[in-house]
Protein backbone atom coordinates (compact mmCIF):
# COMPACT_ATOMS: atom_id res chain seq x y z
CA MET A 1 0.01 31.31 -7.19
CA ILE A 2 3.38 30.31 -5.67
CA GLY A 3 4.33 32.49 -2.67
CA TYR A 4 7.68 30.87 -2.02
CA ILE A 5 9.64 27.69 -2.66
CA LYS A 6 11.67 25.98 0.04
CA GLY A 7 14.04 23.20 -0.91
CA ILE A 8 17.60 22.19 -1.69
CA LEU A 9 19.75 24.38 -3.93
CA GLU A 10 20.83 22.10 -6.79
CA ASP A 11 22.46 24.57 -9.16
CA ALA A 12 23.20 28.28 -9.41
CA ASP A 13 24.65 30.80 -11.83
CA GLU A 14 24.44 34.59 -12.22
CA GLN A 15 20.96 34.45 -13.73
CA CYS A 16 19.18 31.40 -12.34
CA ILE A 17 19.05 28.93 -9.50
CA THR A 18 17.48 25.48 -9.47
CA VAL A 19 15.71 24.45 -6.28
CA ASP A 20 14.72 20.82 -5.66
CA HIS A 21 11.41 20.62 -3.82
CA GLN A 22 10.10 17.09 -3.31
CA GLY A 23 11.84 15.79 -6.41
CA ILE A 24 10.84 18.66 -8.71
CA GLY A 25 13.53 21.09 -9.84
CA TYR A 26 12.25 24.66 -10.02
CA ARG A 27 14.34 26.93 -12.25
CA ILE A 28 14.11 30.46 -10.87
CA PHE A 29 15.49 33.70 -12.32
CA VAL A 30 17.21 35.74 -9.59
CA PRO A 31 19.11 39.04 -9.29
CA GLY A 32 22.81 38.50 -9.91
CA THR A 33 23.87 39.14 -6.32
CA ALA A 34 20.78 37.87 -4.50
CA PHE A 35 22.21 34.65 -3.14
CA ALA A 36 25.92 35.23 -3.84
CA GLY A 37 28.03 33.71 -1.10
CA SER A 38 25.05 33.28 1.24
CA ILE A 39 24.30 29.64 0.47
CA SER A 40 26.03 26.70 -1.17
CA VAL A 41 24.76 23.98 -3.49
CA GLY A 42 23.27 21.20 -1.39
CA GLU A 43 21.96 23.50 1.34
CA GLU A 44 18.34 24.36 2.05
CA ILE A 45 17.06 27.62 0.64
CA LYS A 46 13.82 29.63 0.79
CA VAL A 47 12.98 31.79 -2.20
CA TYR A 48 10.07 34.25 -2.40
CA THR A 49 8.70 33.99 -5.91
CA TYR A 50 6.76 35.81 -8.60
CA LEU A 51 5.20 33.76 -11.41
CA HIS A 52 5.29 35.51 -14.79
CA VAL A 53 2.84 34.11 -17.32
CA LYS A 54 3.70 34.42 -21.01
CA GLU A 55 1.90 33.00 -24.02
CA ASP A 56 4.57 30.36 -24.51
CA ALA A 57 6.08 29.97 -21.03
CA LEU A 58 5.72 30.21 -17.27
CA GLN A 59 8.73 31.83 -15.60
CA LEU A 60 9.56 32.08 -11.91
CA TYR A 61 11.45 35.05 -10.50
CA GLY A 62 12.85 34.73 -7.01
CA PHE A 63 14.21 36.84 -4.15
CA PRO A 64 15.73 36.17 -0.72
CA SER A 65 13.22 38.42 1.10
CA LYS A 66 9.61 39.56 0.94
CA ASP A 67 10.85 43.15 0.75
CA GLU A 68 12.78 42.57 -2.47
CA LEU A 69 9.79 40.76 -3.97
CA LYS A 70 7.59 43.73 -3.03
CA VAL A 71 9.97 46.18 -4.73
CA PHE A 72 10.16 43.93 -7.80
CA LYS A 73 6.36 44.04 -8.10
CA LEU A 74 6.48 47.85 -7.80
CA LEU A 75 8.95 47.96 -10.69
CA LEU A 76 6.66 45.82 -12.82
CA GLY A 77 3.98 48.45 -12.35
CA VAL A 78 6.12 50.97 -14.21
CA ASN A 79 5.20 51.27 -17.88
CA GLY A 80 7.86 49.61 -20.02
CA ILE A 81 9.54 47.67 -17.19
CA GLY A 82 9.21 43.92 -17.57
CA PRO A 83 10.49 41.12 -15.31
CA LYS A 84 13.95 40.96 -16.89
CA ALA A 85 14.45 44.73 -16.63
CA GLY A 86 13.19 44.66 -13.02
CA LEU A 87 15.62 41.86 -12.23
CA GLY A 88 18.45 43.84 -13.80
CA ILE A 89 17.65 46.85 -11.63
CA LEU A 90 17.66 44.74 -8.46
CA SER A 91 20.96 43.20 -9.54
CA ALA A 92 22.51 46.68 -9.56
CA LEU A 93 20.66 48.20 -6.59
CA SER A 94 19.34 46.73 -3.36
CA ALA A 95 15.70 47.34 -2.45
CA ASP A 96 16.82 49.99 0.05
CA GLU A 97 19.12 51.70 -2.47
CA LEU A 98 16.34 51.75 -5.05
CA ARG A 99 13.86 53.35 -2.67
CA PHE A 100 16.27 56.08 -1.62
CA ALA A 101 17.38 56.70 -5.24
CA VAL A 102 13.75 57.27 -6.26
CA LEU A 103 12.96 59.49 -3.27
CA ALA A 104 16.15 61.51 -3.84
CA ASP A 105 15.55 61.92 -7.61
CA ASP A 106 18.92 60.20 -8.12
CA VAL A 107 18.86 59.52 -11.87
CA ALA A 108 22.57 58.64 -11.90
CA ALA A 109 22.16 55.83 -9.35
CA LEU A 110 19.23 54.30 -11.22
CA SER A 111 21.10 54.55 -14.52
CA LYS A 112 23.74 52.14 -13.16
CA ALA A 113 21.32 49.28 -13.79
CA PRO A 114 21.84 47.42 -17.08
CA GLY A 115 19.59 48.68 -19.86
CA ILE A 116 18.34 51.64 -17.82
CA GLY A 117 19.14 54.94 -19.47
CA LYS A 118 18.50 58.45 -18.24
CA LYS A 119 14.96 58.64 -19.66
CA THR A 120 13.91 55.30 -18.16
CA ALA A 121 15.43 56.30 -14.80
CA GLN A 122 13.42 59.53 -14.88
CA LYS A 123 10.27 57.53 -15.68
CA LEU A 124 10.97 55.22 -12.72
CA ILE A 125 11.26 58.19 -10.39
CA LEU A 126 8.12 59.81 -11.76
CA GLU A 127 5.96 56.68 -11.48
CA LEU A 128 7.30 55.30 -8.19
CA LYS A 129 7.80 58.42 -6.10
CA ASP A 130 4.13 58.69 -5.12
CA LYS A 131 4.14 55.01 -4.10
CA LEU A 132 7.02 55.42 -1.68
CA ASP A 133 7.30 57.20 1.66
CA LEU A 134 10.57 58.46 3.15
CA GLU A 135 9.67 57.44 6.70
CA ASP A 136 8.68 53.95 5.55
CA ALA A 137 11.92 53.70 3.55
CA PHE A 138 13.99 54.47 6.66
CA GLU A 139 12.00 51.99 8.76
CA GLN A 140 12.44 49.26 6.15
CA LYS A 141 16.17 49.94 5.90
CA MET A 142 16.51 49.63 9.68
CA ALA A 143 14.57 46.36 9.61
CA ASN A 144 16.74 44.99 6.81
CA GLN A 145 19.93 45.98 8.61
CA ALA A 146 18.68 44.38 11.83
CA GLY A 147 18.02 41.18 9.90
CA LYS A 148 21.52 41.20 8.44
CA TYR A 149 23.01 41.90 11.86
CA GLN A 150 21.23 38.90 13.36
CA GLU A 151 22.33 36.79 10.42
CA THR A 152 25.98 37.66 10.99
CA GLN A 153 25.70 36.90 14.71
CA ALA A 154 24.16 33.51 13.98
CA ALA A 155 26.99 32.75 11.59
CA GLY A 156 29.59 33.06 14.37
CA ASP A 157 31.60 35.64 16.28
CA GLY A 158 34.50 35.64 13.79
CA ILE A 159 32.24 36.35 10.84
CA HIS A 160 30.38 39.02 12.82
CA GLU A 161 33.64 40.75 13.78
CA ALA A 162 34.93 40.64 10.21
CA VAL A 163 31.72 42.19 8.89
CA GLN A 164 31.85 44.92 11.52
CA ALA A 165 35.49 45.62 10.63
CA LEU A 166 34.58 46.02 6.95
CA VAL A 167 31.70 48.34 7.88
CA ALA A 168 34.14 50.40 9.97
CA LEU A 169 36.33 50.69 6.87
CA GLY A 170 33.42 52.30 5.04
CA TYR A 171 31.78 49.38 3.26
CA GLY A 172 28.01 48.86 3.38
CA ASN A 173 26.48 46.18 5.63
CA ALA A 174 25.16 44.11 2.73
CA ASP A 175 28.43 44.31 0.74
CA ALA A 176 30.48 43.44 3.83
CA LEU A 177 28.35 40.41 4.68
CA ARG A 178 28.37 39.24 1.06
CA ALA A 179 32.18 39.48 0.84
CA VAL A 180 32.73 37.59 4.10
CA LYS A 181 30.35 34.82 3.10
CA LYS A 182 32.18 34.39 -0.21
CA VAL A 183 35.29 33.30 1.69
CA GLU A 184 35.50 29.51 1.75
CA GLY A 185 35.75 28.12 5.28
CA ALA A 186 34.96 31.51 6.83
CA ALA A 187 33.43 30.04 10.00
CA ASP A 188 36.71 28.32 10.92
CA MET A 189 39.11 31.18 10.15
CA GLU A 190 40.79 33.66 12.48
CA VAL A 191 39.25 37.14 12.25
CA GLU A 192 42.41 38.74 10.82
CA ASP A 193 42.78 36.10 8.09
CA LEU A 194 39.07 36.26 7.31
CA LEU A 195 39.21 40.05 7.03
CA LYS A 196 42.14 39.90 4.60
CA ALA A 197 40.39 37.29 2.44
CA ALA A 198 37.14 39.26 2.49
CA LEU A 199 38.88 42.46 1.45
CA LYS A 200 40.12 40.67 -1.69
CA LYS A 201 36.50 39.81 -2.47
CA MET A 202 35.59 43.51 -2.26
CA ILE A 203 37.96 44.42 -5.12
């Protein structure tokens, strides 16, 4: 019904964001880390959405990319996994991490998600494994990394260099970008100062 919403970010917390689109504020449930540090209140945002219809409510769930929305819908297809549980999983694991955890039978990684015990993790693997392909998972990861790389370049040379430095230190691309973007005034900082500030965000 609603493919995505594009508007101004009016409010945000760990569970929800409110997006103003033509004077209407859409309250959208999001993964805890989905938009962390990537956008500030007052800026324009595009959120890919899933509308969950309940007897007493309509709830929107949102994601920064079509890929995460696709994985969320896959999770909803697992018996016993509702929208809130699916959101919790994608708060603990990225779409790429989830795919590889399922394909690798990594129960421990899946169990890191809130409310997901060993039995539920095993059920996730059992029900999703046939719906995923290793080659496709690698291709999607490369595409996601390419998108993040372009995003860091667009943000400025200093930010790009800081992210690359964090990656060289062993941090993941997504975590490195997230940490750098959490630093206030990152675009105007020297690389060395930005790197130090970003490292504090990684702790």
